[in-house]
Amino acid sequence: MSDDTKIPAEQRTEFGKGFARRLRAAGKIPAVIYGHGGDPVHVALPGHDMMLVVRRANAVIELDVEGTSHLVLVKDVQRDPVSQIIEHIDLLVVRKGEKVHVEIPVYVVGETFPGTIANLDAATISLEVEATHIPEHVEVDVEGLEEGAHITAADLTLPKGASLLADPETLIVAVSVPAATLAAEDEIAETDAEVAAEQSEADTEA
């Protein structure tokens, strides 16, 4: 499904858990369109198409609601905590050129210094971006970074036109030596100390 494909939606006037269950049984997902001061529009969306759409964070789609076009941002997806079936979707009306506040996934790229690991402290970052140019992710390059290195929100290279909303001092990535490695090193050091003490004691007795 291409980005410029309109997704058909049916306006609905029935509500409640029972009606929502019947919708989902028919392969559809209940949703609400809101924003820009207009009255909320309750719709039923095609389940298969929307499952493909929501795989991408902050997806912007165009809906055809019985002949009326709506450009919307997928703002929230409610799922069943056990089955993970989509139960409801909140859609925010957007306009081309306007700015929206979104949480963008953070991806770590590159390899840190041998023997260290990059710990992702913040999986997303708050940005203000154009509604029709929302980046899929922000990359953090950790290539060659050594133990103790920190990358904060202020250090990120943001996509063109994006502004940082998060606290600039927010920790994004910290580079450290794995706890297991430290424990092994401590054990080796302890063993070395015991051997040295035994050797020293043997030398004294001799």
Protein backbone atom coordinates (compact mmCIF):
# COMPACT_ATOMS: atom_id res chain seq x y z
CA MET A 1 0.00 0.00 0.00
CA SER A 2 1.58 3.28 -1.12
CA ASP A 3 1.64 6.39 1.07
CA ASP A 4 -0.74 8.27 -1.24
CA THR A 5 -3.44 5.59 -1.18
CA LYS A 6 -6.70 6.67 0.42
CA ILE A 7 -8.04 4.25 2.99
CA PRO A 8 -11.81 3.89 2.93
CA ALA A 9 -13.63 4.43 6.23
CA GLU A 10 -17.27 4.12 7.21
CA GLN A 11 -18.85 6.68 9.52
CA ARG A 12 -20.55 4.99 12.47
CA THR A 13 -23.32 6.07 14.79
CA GLU A 14 -23.40 3.01 17.04
CA PHE A 15 -21.14 2.72 20.07
CA GLY A 16 -20.44 0.47 23.03
CA LYS A 17 -18.38 -2.63 23.67
CA GLY A 18 -20.89 -4.96 22.02
CA PHE A 19 -20.90 -2.99 18.77
CA ALA A 20 -17.10 -2.72 18.85
CA ARG A 21 -16.82 -6.50 19.20
CA ARG A 22 -19.12 -7.00 16.21
CA LEU A 23 -17.00 -4.58 14.18
CA ARG A 24 -13.80 -6.41 15.00
CA ALA A 25 -15.44 -9.75 14.22
CA ALA A 26 -16.21 -8.32 10.78
CA GLY A 27 -12.54 -7.41 10.27
CA LYS A 28 -12.93 -3.72 11.05
CA ILE A 29 -11.47 -1.43 13.71
CA PRO A 30 -13.38 1.33 15.54
CA ALA A 31 -11.65 4.72 15.49
CA VAL A 32 -12.27 8.40 16.16
CA ILE A 33 -11.05 11.40 14.14
CA TYR A 34 -10.57 14.62 16.13
CA GLY A 35 -8.72 17.93 16.10
CA HIS A 36 -8.75 21.47 14.69
CA GLY A 37 -11.83 22.34 16.70
CA GLY A 38 -14.17 20.08 14.75
CA ASP A 39 -16.60 17.58 16.20
CA PRO A 40 -15.17 14.08 16.61
CA VAL A 41 -15.97 11.76 13.72
CA HIS A 42 -16.45 8.11 14.69
CA VAL A 43 -15.49 5.67 11.97
CA ALA A 44 -14.88 2.00 11.20
CA LEU A 45 -11.59 1.22 9.43
CA PRO A 46 -10.52 -1.80 7.38
CA GLY A 47 -8.59 -4.01 9.79
CA HIS A 48 -5.96 -5.42 7.39
CA ASP A 49 -5.01 -2.04 5.95
CA MET A 50 -4.69 -0.47 9.39
CA MET A 51 -2.59 -3.30 10.79
CA LEU A 52 -0.09 -2.54 8.00
CA VAL A 53 -0.26 1.21 8.70
CA VAL A 54 0.33 1.05 12.46
CA ARG A 55 3.52 -0.95 12.03
CA ARG A 56 5.10 2.44 11.33
CA ALA A 57 5.27 4.91 14.20
CA ASN A 58 3.46 8.25 13.68
CA ALA A 59 1.92 7.20 10.37
CA VAL A 60 0.06 9.92 8.44
CA ILE A 61 -2.70 8.62 6.20
CA GLU A 62 -5.54 9.96 4.08
CA LEU A 63 -8.98 8.59 4.82
CA ASP A 64 -11.98 8.64 2.53
CA VAL A 65 -14.96 8.84 4.89
CA GLU A 66 -17.90 8.29 2.58
CA GLY A 67 -16.61 10.83 0.05
CA THR A 68 -14.98 13.26 2.48
CA SER A 69 -11.17 13.29 2.68
CA HIS A 70 -9.38 13.48 6.04
CA LEU A 71 -5.60 13.76 6.45
CA VAL A 72 -4.84 12.23 9.85
CA LEU A 73 -1.97 11.22 12.12
CA VAL A 74 -2.22 7.91 13.96
CA LYS A 75 -1.98 9.31 17.49
CA ASP A 76 -2.81 6.32 19.66
CA VAL A 77 -3.45 2.61 19.17
CA GLN A 78 -5.20 0.68 21.94
CA ARG A 79 -4.57 -3.07 21.97
CA ASP A 80 -5.84 -5.96 24.04
CA PRO A 81 -3.08 -6.56 26.63
CA VAL A 82 -3.21 -10.34 26.11
CA SER A 83 -4.08 -10.96 22.47
CA GLN A 84 -2.59 -7.66 21.15
CA ILE A 85 -5.62 -7.30 18.87
CA ILE A 86 -6.20 -3.63 17.95
CA GLU A 87 -9.28 -2.46 19.85
CA HIS A 88 -9.40 1.24 18.94
CA ILE A 89 -7.40 3.92 17.12
CA ASP A 90 -7.25 7.67 17.78
CA LEU A 91 -6.63 9.78 14.68
CA LEU A 92 -5.58 13.45 14.84
CA VAL A 93 -6.55 15.74 11.95
CA VAL A 94 -3.47 17.41 10.42
CA ARG A 95 -2.85 19.88 7.62
CA LYS A 96 0.05 20.08 5.21
CA GLY A 97 2.71 22.46 6.50
CA GLU A 98 1.58 22.48 10.13
CA LYS A 99 3.83 21.29 12.96
CA VAL A 100 2.93 18.43 15.30
CA HIS A 101 4.47 17.02 18.47
CA VAL A 102 5.50 13.38 18.16
CA GLU A 103 7.62 10.71 19.84
CA ILE A 104 10.24 9.43 17.37
CA PRO A 105 11.99 6.06 17.86
CA VAL A 106 15.75 6.20 18.50
CA TYR A 107 18.00 3.71 16.66
CA VAL A 108 21.58 2.99 17.69
CA VAL A 109 24.06 2.49 14.82
CA GLY A 110 27.75 1.63 14.83
CA GLU A 111 29.96 -0.41 17.18
CA THR A 112 31.39 0.91 20.45
CA PHE A 113 34.99 0.28 21.54
CA PRO A 114 35.71 -3.48 21.93
CA GLY A 115 34.61 -4.79 25.32
CA THR A 116 31.93 -2.11 25.80
CA ILE A 117 28.24 -1.86 25.04
CA ALA A 118 25.86 0.98 24.21
CA ASN A 119 22.92 1.20 26.63
CA LEU A 120 19.87 2.90 25.10
CA ASP A 121 18.40 4.94 27.95
CA ALA A 122 15.66 6.68 25.92
CA ALA A 123 13.94 4.61 23.23
CA THR A 124 12.09 7.65 21.82
CA ILE A 125 12.67 11.39 21.61
CA SER A 126 10.06 14.21 21.59
CA LEU A 127 10.25 16.38 18.48
CA GLU A 128 8.22 19.04 16.71
CA VAL A 129 8.07 18.27 13.00
CA GLU A 130 6.00 18.96 9.92
CA ALA A 131 2.94 16.73 9.92
CA THR A 132 3.60 15.44 6.42
CA HIS A 133 7.36 14.96 6.94
CA ILE A 134 7.58 12.91 10.13
CA PRO A 135 10.86 10.96 10.26
CA GLU A 136 10.61 7.22 10.91
CA HIS A 137 13.47 7.35 13.40
CA VAL A 138 16.48 9.28 14.67
CA GLU A 139 19.89 7.59 14.50
CA VAL A 140 22.56 7.75 17.21
CA ASP A 141 26.07 6.88 15.99
CA VAL A 142 28.16 5.19 18.70
CA GLU A 143 31.03 4.09 16.47
CA GLY A 144 34.24 3.78 18.51
CA LEU A 145 32.87 5.34 21.70
CA GLU A 146 34.63 4.20 24.88
CA GLU A 147 33.47 3.43 28.40
CA GLY A 148 31.91 6.43 30.12
CA ALA A 149 30.78 8.16 26.93
CA HIS A 150 27.32 9.75 27.09
CA ILE A 151 25.06 11.03 24.34
CA THR A 152 22.29 13.44 25.35
CA ALA A 153 19.32 14.79 23.43
CA ALA A 154 21.34 17.94 22.65
CA ASP A 155 23.94 15.78 20.85
CA LEU A 156 21.43 14.28 18.40
CA THR A 157 21.52 15.17 14.71
CA LEU A 158 17.88 16.00 14.02
CA PRO A 159 16.14 15.61 10.65
CA LYS A 160 15.74 18.76 8.58
CA GLY A 161 12.92 20.96 9.88
CA ALA A 162 12.67 19.14 13.24
CA SER A 163 12.95 20.88 16.61
CA LEU A 164 13.81 19.27 19.94
CA LEU A 165 11.04 19.27 22.55
CA ALA A 166 12.73 17.01 25.10
CA ASP A 167 15.09 18.35 27.75
CA PRO A 168 18.46 18.78 25.97
CA GLU A 169 20.17 17.05 28.92
CA THR A 170 18.04 13.89 28.57
CA LEU A 171 20.38 10.88 28.48
CA ILE A 172 19.94 8.91 25.26
CA VAL A 173 22.89 6.48 25.23
CA ALA A 174 25.54 5.57 27.81
CA VAL A 175 28.56 3.41 26.98
CA SER A 176 29.73 0.97 29.63
CA VAL A 177 31.52 -2.32 30.22
CA PRO A 178 29.02 -5.20 30.71
CA ALA A 179 28.46 -6.20 34.33
CA ALA A 180 29.47 -9.79 33.55
CA THR A 181 32.82 -8.58 32.22
CA LEU A 182 33.42 -6.46 35.31
CA ALA A 183 32.55 -9.41 37.56
CA ALA A 184 34.95 -11.66 35.66
CA GLU A 185 37.70 -9.05 35.91
CA ASP A 186 37.08 -8.72 39.67
CA GLU A 187 37.26 -12.50 40.05
CA ILE A 188 40.53 -12.65 38.13
CA ALA A 189 41.97 -9.81 40.20
CA GLU A 190 40.88 -11.57 43.41
CA THR A 191 42.44 -14.83 42.27
CA ASP A 192 45.66 -13.04 41.33
CA ALA A 193 45.76 -11.41 44.79
CA GLU A 194 45.28 -14.80 46.49
CA VAL A 195 48.05 -16.38 44.41
CA ALA A 196 50.36 -13.47 45.16
CA ALA A 197 49.61 -13.74 48.89
CA GLU A 198 50.27 -17.48 48.87
CA GLN A 199 53.52 -16.94 46.97
CA SER A 200 54.56 -14.25 49.41
CA GLU A 201 53.77 -16.55 52.36
CA ALA A 202 55.78 -19.38 50.76
CA ASP A 203 58.74 -17.10 50.19
CA THR A 204 58.63 -15.97 53.83
CA GLU A 205 58.58 -19.57 55.10
CA ALA A 206 61.46 -20.41 52.84
